[in-house]
Amino acid sequence: MTELAGNEVPFYFTQHARFVDQLSLVATDSAVSVARTFAKLTLGKWRARTIAADAALVVSELVTNAVKATGGVLEQSPPWSELAALELVFVRILGLDASIVIEVWDTSDATPVLLQPDDDAEGGRGLLLVDEAAARWGYCRTPRGKVVWAEIAVPEALPTVLPRRRTSAGVRPLVRADPWLLQRLLTGLRTL
């Protein structure tokens, strides 16, 4: 829930990323849903599904802001002439030791602003949601724009091996291998 200004070096620049996945998107409304799916699939691959919902929310808000900041198209079925001048938005997810960092890069120099919108306002809550879902977030300037990032803590994983069930002394295995039957099965499969 900490915002770091653009002139500070993000904390994760000095850490070793265990995993990295990235995606380039055209700045249109479809970039938001694609980025959300990308985040869910990436975290599933990394076995960090417990934070997939928070990560999907954060990446949705950051990509929406990036598309708006770059002058992207947020309408359905935009005219072809608008598509030729679109910028790209980049999403990168880094897996650190105890957290992930979601980065969204765009070509705008505009500083992200955490607003406190009125109850009646239709928008302006994106970074407020990011601030609630992330342990900390911030941005840093790049030669051609900025990177807005958010860190989400990964809770300790549950054990992947289930405990073994105790067996009773009088319980026998349900099936015993029959060599004659297995040989006939193998012969039948070879004739196919």
C-alpha atoms as a PDB file:
ATOM      1  CA  MET A   1       0.000   0.000   0.000  1.00  0.00           C
ATOM      2  CA  THR A   2       2.986   2.242  -0.413  1.00  0.00           C
ATOM      3  CA  GLU A   3       3.368   4.446  -3.456  1.00  0.00           C
ATOM      4  CA  LEU A   4       6.907   5.158  -4.595  1.00  0.00           C
ATOM      5  CA  ALA A   5       7.654   8.148  -6.805  1.00  0.00           C
ATOM      6  CA  GLY A   6       9.161   7.997 -10.270  1.00  0.00           C
ATOM      7  CA  ASN A   7      12.622   9.178  -9.318  1.00  0.00           C
ATOM      8  CA  GLU A   8      13.223   6.300  -6.885  1.00  0.00           C
ATOM      9  CA  VAL A   9      14.731   3.018  -8.026  1.00  0.00           C
ATOM     10  CA  PRO A  10      12.197   0.223  -7.424  1.00  0.00           C
ATOM     11  CA  PHE A  11      13.202  -2.238  -4.692  1.00  0.00           C
ATOM     12  CA  TYR A  12      13.091  -5.251  -6.992  1.00  0.00           C
ATOM     13  CA  PHE A  13      15.794  -3.912  -9.334  1.00  0.00           C
ATOM     14  CA  THR A  14      18.363  -5.251  -6.868  1.00  0.00           C
ATOM     15  CA  GLN A  15      16.716  -8.668  -6.399  1.00  0.00           C
ATOM     16  CA  HIS A  16      17.064 -11.810  -8.437  1.00  0.00           C
ATOM     17  CA  ALA A  17      13.861 -12.796 -10.201  1.00  0.00           C
ATOM     18  CA  ARG A  18      13.166 -16.514  -9.987  1.00  0.00           C
ATOM     19  CA  PHE A  19      10.644 -16.361 -12.844  1.00  0.00           C
ATOM     20  CA  VAL A  20       9.899 -13.811 -15.554  1.00  0.00           C
ATOM     21  CA  ASP A  21       7.135 -13.730 -18.130  1.00  0.00           C
ATOM     22  CA  GLN A  22       6.196 -10.840 -20.418  1.00  0.00           C
ATOM     23  CA  LEU A  23       3.687  -9.847 -23.043  1.00  0.00           C
ATOM     24  CA  SER A  24       3.474  -7.061 -25.646  1.00  0.00           C
ATOM     25  CA  LEU A  25       0.011  -5.676 -26.385  1.00  0.00           C
ATOM     26  CA  VAL A  26      -1.469  -3.118 -28.744  1.00  0.00           C
ATOM     27  CA  ALA A  27      -3.087  -0.304 -26.753  1.00  0.00           C
ATOM     28  CA  THR A  28      -6.746  -1.253 -27.281  1.00  0.00           C
ATOM     29  CA  ASP A  29      -9.546  -2.315 -24.971  1.00  0.00           C
ATOM     30  CA  SER A  30      -8.842  -5.988 -25.695  1.00  0.00           C
ATOM     31  CA  ALA A  31      -5.394  -5.574 -24.115  1.00  0.00           C
ATOM     32  CA  VAL A  32      -7.036  -5.511 -20.685  1.00  0.00           C
ATOM     33  CA  SER A  33      -8.701  -8.918 -20.925  1.00  0.00           C
ATOM     34  CA  VAL A  34      -5.661 -10.450 -22.619  1.00  0.00           C
ATOM     35  CA  ALA A  35      -3.381  -9.128 -19.855  1.00  0.00           C
ATOM     36  CA  ARG A  36      -5.751 -10.486 -17.198  1.00  0.00           C
ATOM     37  CA  THR A  37      -5.715 -13.942 -18.811  1.00  0.00           C
ATOM     38  CA  PHE A  38      -1.933 -13.750 -19.177  1.00  0.00           C
ATOM     39  CA  ALA A  39      -1.554 -13.022 -15.456  1.00  0.00           C
ATOM     40  CA  LYS A  40      -3.821 -15.918 -14.453  1.00  0.00           C
ATOM     41  CA  LEU A  41      -2.031 -18.377 -16.759  1.00  0.00           C
ATOM     42  CA  THR A  42       1.404 -17.198 -15.647  1.00  0.00           C
ATOM     43  CA  LEU A  43       0.586 -17.561 -11.958  1.00  0.00           C
ATOM     44  CA  GLY A  44      -0.964 -20.960 -12.595  1.00  0.00           C
ATOM     45  CA  LYS A  45       2.237 -22.063 -14.310  1.00  0.00           C
ATOM     46  CA  TRP A  46       4.262 -20.778 -11.336  1.00  0.00           C
ATOM     47  CA  ARG A  47       1.921 -22.511  -8.857  1.00  0.00           C
ATOM     48  CA  ALA A  48       0.868 -19.202  -7.329  1.00  0.00           C
ATOM     49  CA  ARG A  49      -2.869 -19.498  -8.009  1.00  0.00           C
ATOM     50  CA  THR A  50      -3.716 -18.181  -4.533  1.00  0.00           C
ATOM     51  CA  ILE A  51      -2.967 -14.634  -5.671  1.00  0.00           C
ATOM     52  CA  ALA A  52      -4.343 -14.943  -9.212  1.00  0.00           C
ATOM     53  CA  ALA A  53      -7.481 -12.904  -8.463  1.00  0.00           C
ATOM     54  CA  ASP A  54      -5.507 -10.026  -6.921  1.00  0.00           C
ATOM     55  CA  ALA A  55      -2.979 -10.136  -9.758  1.00  0.00           C
ATOM     56  CA  ALA A  56      -5.752 -10.122 -12.378  1.00  0.00           C
ATOM     57  CA  LEU A  57      -7.324  -7.071 -10.726  1.00  0.00           C
ATOM     58  CA  VAL A  58      -4.003  -5.225 -10.519  1.00  0.00           C
ATOM     59  CA  VAL A  59      -2.960  -5.997 -14.084  1.00  0.00           C
ATOM     60  CA  SER A  60      -6.428  -4.989 -15.374  1.00  0.00           C
ATOM     61  CA  GLU A  61      -6.251  -1.599 -13.703  1.00  0.00           C
ATOM     62  CA  LEU A  62      -2.639  -0.918 -14.697  1.00  0.00           C
ATOM     63  CA  VAL A  63      -3.194  -1.921 -18.334  1.00  0.00           C
ATOM     64  CA  THR A  64      -6.407   0.131 -18.523  1.00  0.00           C
ATOM     65  CA  ASN A  65      -4.481   3.168 -17.269  1.00  0.00           C
ATOM     66  CA  ALA A  66      -1.641   2.485 -19.723  1.00  0.00           C
ATOM     67  CA  VAL A  67      -4.019   2.216 -22.679  1.00  0.00           C
ATOM     68  CA  LYS A  68      -5.685   5.490 -21.686  1.00  0.00           C
ATOM     69  CA  ALA A  69      -2.338   7.236 -21.059  1.00  0.00           C
ATOM     70  CA  THR A  70      -0.943   6.284 -24.462  1.00  0.00           C
ATOM     71  CA  GLY A  71      -4.047   7.466 -26.291  1.00  0.00           C
ATOM     72  CA  GLY A  72      -5.142   3.929 -27.035  1.00  0.00           C
ATOM     73  CA  VAL A  73      -8.572   2.942 -28.234  1.00  0.00           C
ATOM     74  CA  LEU A  74     -11.037   1.818 -25.570  1.00  0.00           C
ATOM     75  CA  GLU A  75     -14.091   1.519 -27.812  1.00  0.00           C
ATOM     76  CA  GLN A  76     -15.400  -1.636 -29.427  1.00  0.00           C
ATOM     77  CA  SER A  77     -14.666  -2.002 -33.162  1.00  0.00           C
ATOM     78  CA  PRO A  78     -12.562   1.130 -33.715  1.00  0.00           C
ATOM     79  CA  PRO A  79     -12.084   2.435 -37.266  1.00  0.00           C
ATOM     80  CA  TRP A  80      -9.085   1.012 -39.113  1.00  0.00           C
ATOM     81  CA  SER A  81      -7.503   4.465 -39.399  1.00  0.00           C
ATOM     82  CA  GLU A  82      -7.190   4.679 -35.583  1.00  0.00           C
ATOM     83  CA  LEU A  83      -5.404   1.329 -35.334  1.00  0.00           C
ATOM     84  CA  ALA A  84      -2.423   2.343 -37.474  1.00  0.00           C
ATOM     85  CA  ALA A  85      -1.171   4.911 -34.924  1.00  0.00           C
ATOM     86  CA  LEU A  86      -1.565   2.816 -31.780  1.00  0.00           C
ATOM     87  CA  GLU A  87       1.239   2.432 -29.295  1.00  0.00           C
ATOM     88  CA  LEU A  88       2.275  -0.747 -27.524  1.00  0.00           C
ATOM     89  CA  VAL A  89       1.827  -1.581 -23.853  1.00  0.00           C
ATOM     90  CA  PHE A  90       4.126  -4.128 -22.215  1.00  0.00           C
ATOM     91  CA  VAL A  91       3.263  -6.346 -19.260  1.00  0.00           C
ATOM     92  CA  ARG A  92       5.956  -8.184 -17.322  1.00  0.00           C
ATOM     93  CA  ILE A  93       5.481 -10.369 -14.267  1.00  0.00           C
ATOM     94  CA  LEU A  94       8.465 -11.178 -12.090  1.00  0.00           C
ATOM     95  CA  GLY A  95       8.457 -13.944  -9.489  1.00  0.00           C
ATOM     96  CA  LEU A  96      10.624 -13.035  -6.523  1.00  0.00           C
ATOM     97  CA  ASP A  97      11.270 -15.152  -3.414  1.00  0.00           C
ATOM     98  CA  ALA A  98       8.138 -14.161  -1.468  1.00  0.00           C
ATOM     99  CA  SER A  99       6.195 -11.958  -3.890  1.00  0.00           C
ATOM    100  CA  ILE A 100       5.478 -11.147  -7.493  1.00  0.00           C
ATOM    101  CA  VAL A 101       5.883  -7.804  -9.219  1.00  0.00           C
ATOM    102  CA  ILE A 102       3.605  -6.765 -12.062  1.00  0.00           C
ATOM    103  CA  GLU A 103       5.089  -4.133 -14.368  1.00  0.00           C
ATOM    104  CA  VAL A 104       3.147  -2.274 -17.045  1.00  0.00           C
ATOM    105  CA  TRP A 105       5.160  -0.065 -19.393  1.00  0.00           C
ATOM    106  CA  ASP A 106       3.663   2.616 -21.625  1.00  0.00           C
ATOM    107  CA  THR A 107       4.972   5.520 -23.710  1.00  0.00           C
ATOM    108  CA  SER A 108       3.281   8.281 -21.732  1.00  0.00           C
ATOM    109  CA  ASP A 109       5.212  10.637 -19.455  1.00  0.00           C
ATOM    110  CA  ALA A 110       2.075  11.326 -17.401  1.00  0.00           C
ATOM    111  CA  THR A 111       2.531  10.574 -13.712  1.00  0.00           C
ATOM    112  CA  PRO A 112       0.057   8.058 -12.271  1.00  0.00           C
ATOM    113  CA  VAL A 113      -2.154   9.766  -9.706  1.00  0.00           C
ATOM    114  CA  LEU A 114      -3.962   8.052  -6.860  1.00  0.00           C
ATOM    115  CA  LEU A 115      -7.379   9.733  -6.833  1.00  0.00           C
ATOM    116  CA  GLN A 116     -10.037   9.824  -4.132  1.00  0.00           C
ATOM    117  CA  PRO A 117     -13.140   9.921  -6.362  1.00  0.00           C
ATOM    118  CA  ASP A 118     -16.607  10.852  -5.153  1.00  0.00           C
ATOM    119  CA  ASP A 119     -19.110   8.096  -4.574  1.00  0.00           C
ATOM    120  CA  ASP A 120     -20.962   9.175  -7.742  1.00  0.00           C
ATOM    121  CA  ALA A 121     -17.876   9.186 -10.000  1.00  0.00           C
ATOM    122  CA  GLU A 122     -17.879   6.525 -12.731  1.00  0.00           C
ATOM    123  CA  GLY A 123     -14.103   6.156 -12.907  1.00  0.00           C
ATOM    124  CA  GLY A 124     -10.862   7.063 -11.218  1.00  0.00           C
ATOM    125  CA  ARG A 125     -10.687   4.111  -8.831  1.00  0.00           C
ATOM    126  CA  GLY A 126      -8.042   2.066 -10.651  1.00  0.00           C
ATOM    127  CA  LEU A 127      -5.004   2.986  -8.590  1.00  0.00           C
ATOM    128  CA  LEU A 128      -7.133   2.964  -5.444  1.00  0.00           C
ATOM    129  CA  LEU A 129      -7.851  -0.728  -6.144  1.00  0.00           C
ATOM    130  CA  VAL A 130      -4.171  -1.351  -6.899  1.00  0.00           C
ATOM    131  CA  ASP A 131      -3.254   0.357  -3.637  1.00  0.00           C
ATOM    132  CA  GLU A 132      -5.579  -1.992  -1.723  1.00  0.00           C
ATOM    133  CA  ALA A 133      -4.581  -5.222  -3.490  1.00  0.00           C
ATOM    134  CA  ALA A 134      -0.812  -4.657  -3.611  1.00  0.00           C
ATOM    135  CA  ALA A 135       1.699  -4.609  -0.769  1.00  0.00           C
ATOM    136  CA  ARG A 136       3.262  -1.578  -2.466  1.00  0.00           C
ATOM    137  CA  TRP A 137       3.268   0.061  -5.851  1.00  0.00           C
ATOM    138  CA  GLY A 138       5.043   2.823  -7.665  1.00  0.00           C
ATOM    139  CA  TYR A 139       6.418   3.957 -10.973  1.00  0.00           C
ATOM    140  CA  CYS A 140       9.709   4.815 -12.560  1.00  0.00           C
ATOM    141  CA  ARG A 141      10.540   6.849 -15.623  1.00  0.00           C
ATOM    142  CA  THR A 142      12.104   5.256 -18.681  1.00  0.00           C
ATOM    143  CA  PRO A 143      13.704   6.905 -21.715  1.00  0.00           C
ATOM    144  CA  ARG A 144      10.421   6.438 -23.642  1.00  0.00           C
ATOM    145  CA  GLY A 145       7.689   6.620 -21.000  1.00  0.00           C
ATOM    146  CA  LYS A 146       7.231   4.982 -17.630  1.00  0.00           C
ATOM    147  CA  VAL A 147       6.771   1.666 -15.851  1.00  0.00           C
ATOM    148  CA  VAL A 148       4.060   1.381 -13.228  1.00  0.00           C
ATOM    149  CA  TRP A 149       4.609  -1.594 -10.949  1.00  0.00           C
ATOM    150  CA  ALA A 150       2.852  -3.329  -8.078  1.00  0.00           C
ATOM    151  CA  GLU A 151       4.077  -5.986  -5.665  1.00  0.00           C
ATOM    152  CA  ILE A 152       1.781  -8.723  -4.384  1.00  0.00           C
ATOM    153  CA  ALA A 153       2.932 -11.001  -1.570  1.00  0.00           C
ATOM    154  CA  VAL A 154       2.682 -14.743  -2.185  1.00  0.00           C
ATOM    155  CA  PRO A 155       1.491 -16.622   0.895  1.00  0.00           C
ATOM    156  CA  GLU A 156       3.450 -19.709   1.853  1.00  0.00           C
ATOM    157  CA  ALA A 157       2.485 -22.620  -0.321  1.00  0.00           C
ATOM    158  CA  LEU A 158       0.573 -25.537   1.066  1.00  0.00           C
ATOM    159  CA  PRO A 159       2.392 -28.860   1.047  1.00  0.00           C
ATOM    160  CA  THR A 160       2.175 -30.495  -2.360  1.00  0.00           C
ATOM    161  CA  VAL A 161       2.349 -34.033  -0.953  1.00  0.00           C
ATOM    162  CA  LEU A 162      -0.662 -35.241   0.955  1.00  0.00           C
ATOM    163  CA  PRO A 163      -0.113 -37.276   4.105  1.00  0.00           C
ATOM    164  CA  ARG A 164      -0.291 -41.041   3.639  1.00  0.00           C
ATOM    165  CA  ARG A 165      -3.323 -42.842   4.936  1.00  0.00           C
ATOM    166  CA  ARG A 166      -2.720 -45.511   7.524  1.00  0.00           C
ATOM    167  CA  THR A 167      -3.541 -49.001   6.384  1.00  0.00           C
ATOM    168  CA  SER A 168      -5.253 -51.563   8.533  1.00  0.00           C
ATOM    169  CA  ALA A 169      -3.533 -54.878   9.148  1.00  0.00           C
ATOM    170  CA  GLY A 170      -6.402 -56.860   7.607  1.00  0.00           C
ATOM    171  CA  VAL A 171      -6.753 -54.844   4.379  1.00  0.00           C
ATOM    172  CA  ARG A 172      -5.416 -56.461   1.210  1.00  0.00           C
ATOM    173  CA  PRO A 173      -4.737 -54.768  -2.112  1.00  0.00           C
ATOM    174  CA  LEU A 174      -7.827 -54.687  -4.310  1.00  0.00           C
ATOM    175  CA  VAL A 175      -6.119 -56.010  -7.450  1.00  0.00           C
ATOM    176  CA  ARG A 176      -3.326 -58.514  -7.770  1.00  0.00           C
ATOM    177  CA  ALA A 177      -1.371 -58.680 -11.039  1.00  0.00           C
ATOM    178  CA  ASP A 178      -2.143 -61.812 -13.052  1.00  0.00           C
ATOM    179  CA  PRO A 179       0.848 -62.596 -15.346  1.00  0.00           C
ATOM    180  CA  TRP A 180      -1.231 -64.784 -17.709  1.00  0.00           C
ATOM    181  CA  LEU A 181      -3.849 -62.032 -18.173  1.00  0.00           C
ATOM    182  CA  LEU A 182      -1.206 -59.361 -18.681  1.00  0.00           C
ATOM    183  CA  GLN A 183       0.563 -61.510 -21.307  1.00  0.00           C
ATOM    184  CA  ARG A 184      -2.697 -62.024 -23.232  1.00  0.00           C
ATOM    185  CA  LEU A 185      -3.416 -58.261 -23.060  1.00  0.00           C
ATOM    186  CA  LEU A 186       0.050 -57.467 -24.407  1.00  0.00           C
ATOM    187  CA  THR A 187      -0.333 -60.007 -27.250  1.00  0.00           C
ATOM    188  CA  GLY A 188      -3.717 -58.538 -28.165  1.00  0.00           C
ATOM    189  CA  LEU A 189      -2.340 -54.991 -28.241  1.00  0.00           C
ATOM    190  CA  ARG A 190       0.526 -56.037 -30.504  1.00  0.00           C
ATOM    191  CA  THR A 191      -1.881 -57.487 -33.079  1.00  0.00           C
ATOM    192  CA  LEU A 192      -3.729 -54.183 -33.436  1.00  0.00           C
END
